[in-house]
Amino acid sequence: MSTLQTVVDDARVLLNDSAKLRYSDALLLKYANEAIAYAKRIRPDLFLGTFKTTLSAYGLTDSTPLPPEYEFALKDYVVARSNTIDDEYSIDGRAGAFNQNFKTVLMTI
């Protein structure tokens, strides 16, 4: 399993922000935690044994709680959320595509 730092770094490549100039690690980590919470809501089976426990915020050094085959969907959500704060006219379609891919992957694998 990857750490959330790996997820954030991989999302930066898709965001063309490898130099960490546009998005902070804290912001991208916040989006990753949102994605994990969203995944728990729509796919509780991915969290068997921990469903009744309160979902805490994960740090950059924590392993992703999702199975490895869902990590790329987690990256897609981070990219989608990041793109929504950019220029809404030029990025809107791209953000929607990444967000839809996140939802589709969670529902089909």
C-alpha atoms as a PDB file:
ATOM      1  CA  MET A   1       0.000   0.000   0.000  1.00  0.00           C
ATOM      2  CA  SER A   2       1.122   3.504  -0.778  1.00  0.00           C
ATOM      3  CA  THR A   3       1.268   6.362   1.665  1.00  0.00           C
ATOM      4  CA  LEU A   4      -0.895   9.404   1.206  1.00  0.00           C
ATOM      5  CA  GLN A   5       2.289  11.338   0.415  1.00  0.00           C
ATOM      6  CA  THR A   6       2.677   9.111  -2.656  1.00  0.00           C
ATOM      7  CA  VAL A   7      -0.935   9.786  -3.635  1.00  0.00           C
ATOM      8  CA  VAL A   8      -0.411  13.540  -3.255  1.00  0.00           C
ATOM      9  CA  ASP A   9       2.860  13.450  -5.222  1.00  0.00           C
ATOM     10  CA  ASP A  10       1.298  11.401  -8.022  1.00  0.00           C
ATOM     11  CA  ALA A  11      -1.663  13.804  -8.187  1.00  0.00           C
ATOM     12  CA  ARG A  12       0.796  16.691  -8.527  1.00  0.00           C
ATOM     13  CA  VAL A  13       2.091  15.181 -11.758  1.00  0.00           C
ATOM     14  CA  LEU A  14      -1.424  15.277 -13.225  1.00  0.00           C
ATOM     15  CA  LEU A  15      -1.834  18.822 -11.908  1.00  0.00           C
ATOM     16  CA  ASN A  16       1.453  19.965 -13.469  1.00  0.00           C
ATOM     17  CA  ASP A  17       2.591  21.082 -10.029  1.00  0.00           C
ATOM     18  CA  SER A  18       5.683  18.976  -9.331  1.00  0.00           C
ATOM     19  CA  ALA A  19       7.430  22.085  -7.942  1.00  0.00           C
ATOM     20  CA  LYS A  20       4.645  22.461  -5.322  1.00  0.00           C
ATOM     21  CA  LEU A  21       3.899  26.040  -6.319  1.00  0.00           C
ATOM     22  CA  ARG A  22       0.126  25.913  -6.867  1.00  0.00           C
ATOM     23  CA  TYR A  23      -1.137  23.524  -4.205  1.00  0.00           C
ATOM     24  CA  SER A  24       0.134  22.851  -0.703  1.00  0.00           C
ATOM     25  CA  ASP A  25       0.553  19.334   0.641  1.00  0.00           C
ATOM     26  CA  ALA A  26      -1.985  20.212   3.338  1.00  0.00           C
ATOM     27  CA  LEU A  27      -4.636  21.135   0.772  1.00  0.00           C
ATOM     28  CA  LEU A  28      -4.086  18.021  -1.343  1.00  0.00           C
ATOM     29  CA  LEU A  29      -4.105  15.869   1.802  1.00  0.00           C
ATOM     30  CA  LYS A  30      -7.421  17.464   2.772  1.00  0.00           C
ATOM     31  CA  TYR A  31      -8.843  16.437  -0.609  1.00  0.00           C
ATOM     32  CA  ALA A  32      -7.490  12.900  -0.176  1.00  0.00           C
ATOM     33  CA  ASN A  33      -9.215  12.664   3.212  1.00  0.00           C
ATOM     34  CA  GLU A  34     -12.452  13.878   1.591  1.00  0.00           C
ATOM     35  CA  ALA A  35     -12.139  11.117  -0.995  1.00  0.00           C
ATOM     36  CA  ILE A  36     -11.611   8.485   1.695  1.00  0.00           C
ATOM     37  CA  ALA A  37     -14.694   9.684   3.578  1.00  0.00           C
ATOM     38  CA  TYR A  38     -16.705   9.692   0.362  1.00  0.00           C
ATOM     39  CA  ALA A  39     -15.508   6.173  -0.443  1.00  0.00           C
ATOM     40  CA  LYS A  40     -16.556   4.983   3.014  1.00  0.00           C
ATOM     41  CA  ARG A  41     -20.029   6.412   2.468  1.00  0.00           C
ATOM     42  CA  ILE A  42     -20.660   4.808  -0.904  1.00  0.00           C
ATOM     43  CA  ARG A  43     -18.555   1.642  -0.463  1.00  0.00           C
ATOM     44  CA  PRO A  44     -18.653   0.661   3.215  1.00  0.00           C
ATOM     45  CA  ASP A  45     -17.572  -2.843   2.233  1.00  0.00           C
ATOM     46  CA  LEU A  46     -14.077  -1.445   1.624  1.00  0.00           C
ATOM     47  CA  PHE A  47     -13.889  -0.640   5.337  1.00  0.00           C
ATOM     48  CA  LEU A  48     -15.129  -3.934   6.817  1.00  0.00           C
ATOM     49  CA  GLY A  49     -14.273  -4.208  10.469  1.00  0.00           C
ATOM     50  CA  THR A  50     -13.917  -0.454  10.855  1.00  0.00           C
ATOM     51  CA  PHE A  51     -17.257   0.780   9.572  1.00  0.00           C
ATOM     52  CA  LYS A  52     -18.633   1.785  12.972  1.00  0.00           C
ATOM     53  CA  THR A  53     -15.467   3.556  14.022  1.00  0.00           C
ATOM     54  CA  THR A  54     -15.188   7.257  13.399  1.00  0.00           C
ATOM     55  CA  LEU A  55     -13.129   8.061  10.341  1.00  0.00           C
ATOM     56  CA  SER A  56     -10.147  10.092  11.440  1.00  0.00           C
ATOM     57  CA  ALA A  57      -8.085  12.339   9.229  1.00  0.00           C
ATOM     58  CA  TYR A  58      -5.052  10.625   7.770  1.00  0.00           C
ATOM     59  CA  GLY A  59      -1.605  12.183   7.587  1.00  0.00           C
ATOM     60  CA  LEU A  60       0.867  12.179   4.723  1.00  0.00           C
ATOM     61  CA  THR A  61       2.885   9.330   6.240  1.00  0.00           C
ATOM     62  CA  ASP A  62      -0.173   7.107   6.762  1.00  0.00           C
ATOM     63  CA  SER A  63      -0.910   4.261   4.387  1.00  0.00           C
ATOM     64  CA  THR A  64      -3.983   4.634   2.243  1.00  0.00           C
ATOM     65  CA  PRO A  65      -6.883   2.776   3.865  1.00  0.00           C
ATOM     66  CA  LEU A  66      -8.264   1.792   0.460  1.00  0.00           C
ATOM     67  CA  PRO A  67      -7.158  -1.353  -1.346  1.00  0.00           C
ATOM     68  CA  PRO A  68      -4.349  -0.729  -3.868  1.00  0.00           C
ATOM     69  CA  GLU A  69      -6.666  -1.054  -6.868  1.00  0.00           C
ATOM     70  CA  TYR A  70      -8.539   2.046  -5.674  1.00  0.00           C
ATOM     71  CA  GLU A  71      -5.522   4.290  -5.186  1.00  0.00           C
ATOM     72  CA  PHE A  72      -5.657   5.727  -8.700  1.00  0.00           C
ATOM     73  CA  ALA A  73      -9.291   6.706  -8.089  1.00  0.00           C
ATOM     74  CA  LEU A  74      -8.163   8.500  -4.949  1.00  0.00           C
ATOM     75  CA  LYS A  75      -5.654  10.435  -7.064  1.00  0.00           C
ATOM     76  CA  ASP A  76      -8.398  11.278  -9.545  1.00  0.00           C
ATOM     77  CA  TYR A  77     -10.505  12.797  -6.772  1.00  0.00           C
ATOM     78  CA  VAL A  78      -7.588  14.905  -5.552  1.00  0.00           C
ATOM     79  CA  VAL A  79      -7.032  16.183  -9.097  1.00  0.00           C
ATOM     80  CA  ALA A  80     -10.747  16.884  -9.587  1.00  0.00           C
ATOM     81  CA  ARG A  81     -11.044  18.863  -6.341  1.00  0.00           C
ATOM     82  CA  SER A  82      -7.873  20.784  -7.121  1.00  0.00           C
ATOM     83  CA  ASN A  83      -9.114  21.681 -10.573  1.00  0.00           C
ATOM     84  CA  THR A  84     -12.362  23.066  -9.200  1.00  0.00           C
ATOM     85  CA  ILE A  85     -10.491  25.917  -7.514  1.00  0.00           C
ATOM     86  CA  ASP A  86      -8.760  26.880 -10.761  1.00  0.00           C
ATOM     87  CA  ASP A  87     -10.395  28.864 -13.544  1.00  0.00           C
ATOM     88  CA  GLU A  88     -13.855  27.310 -13.735  1.00  0.00           C
ATOM     89  CA  TYR A  89     -14.236  27.933 -17.457  1.00  0.00           C
ATOM     90  CA  SER A  90     -11.067  26.267 -18.696  1.00  0.00           C
ATOM     91  CA  ILE A  91     -10.814  23.454 -16.152  1.00  0.00           C
ATOM     92  CA  ASP A  92     -14.461  22.589 -15.478  1.00  0.00           C
ATOM     93  CA  GLY A  93     -14.615  19.735 -17.990  1.00  0.00           C
ATOM     94  CA  ARG A  94     -11.351  18.249 -16.786  1.00  0.00           C
ATOM     95  CA  ALA A  95     -12.434  18.380 -13.127  1.00  0.00           C
ATOM     96  CA  GLY A  96     -15.739  16.734 -14.015  1.00  0.00           C
ATOM     97  CA  ALA A  97     -13.996  13.952 -15.901  1.00  0.00           C
ATOM     98  CA  PHE A  98     -11.671  13.139 -12.995  1.00  0.00           C
ATOM     99  CA  ASN A  99     -14.564  13.278 -10.530  1.00  0.00           C
ATOM    100  CA  GLN A 100     -16.687  10.990 -12.667  1.00  0.00           C
ATOM    101  CA  ASN A 101     -13.803   8.540 -12.995  1.00  0.00           C
ATOM    102  CA  PHE A 102     -13.455   8.456  -9.200  1.00  0.00           C
ATOM    103  CA  LYS A 103     -17.151   7.613  -8.787  1.00  0.00           C
ATOM    104  CA  THR A 104     -17.151   5.073 -11.611  1.00  0.00           C
ATOM    105  CA  VAL A 105     -14.148   3.195 -10.248  1.00  0.00           C
ATOM    106  CA  LEU A 106     -15.624   2.997  -6.776  1.00  0.00           C
ATOM    107  CA  MET A 107     -18.847   1.563  -8.122  1.00  0.00           C
ATOM    108  CA  THR A 108     -17.437  -0.932 -10.624  1.00  0.00           C
ATOM    109  CA  ILE A 109     -14.381  -2.663  -9.152  1.00  0.00           C
END
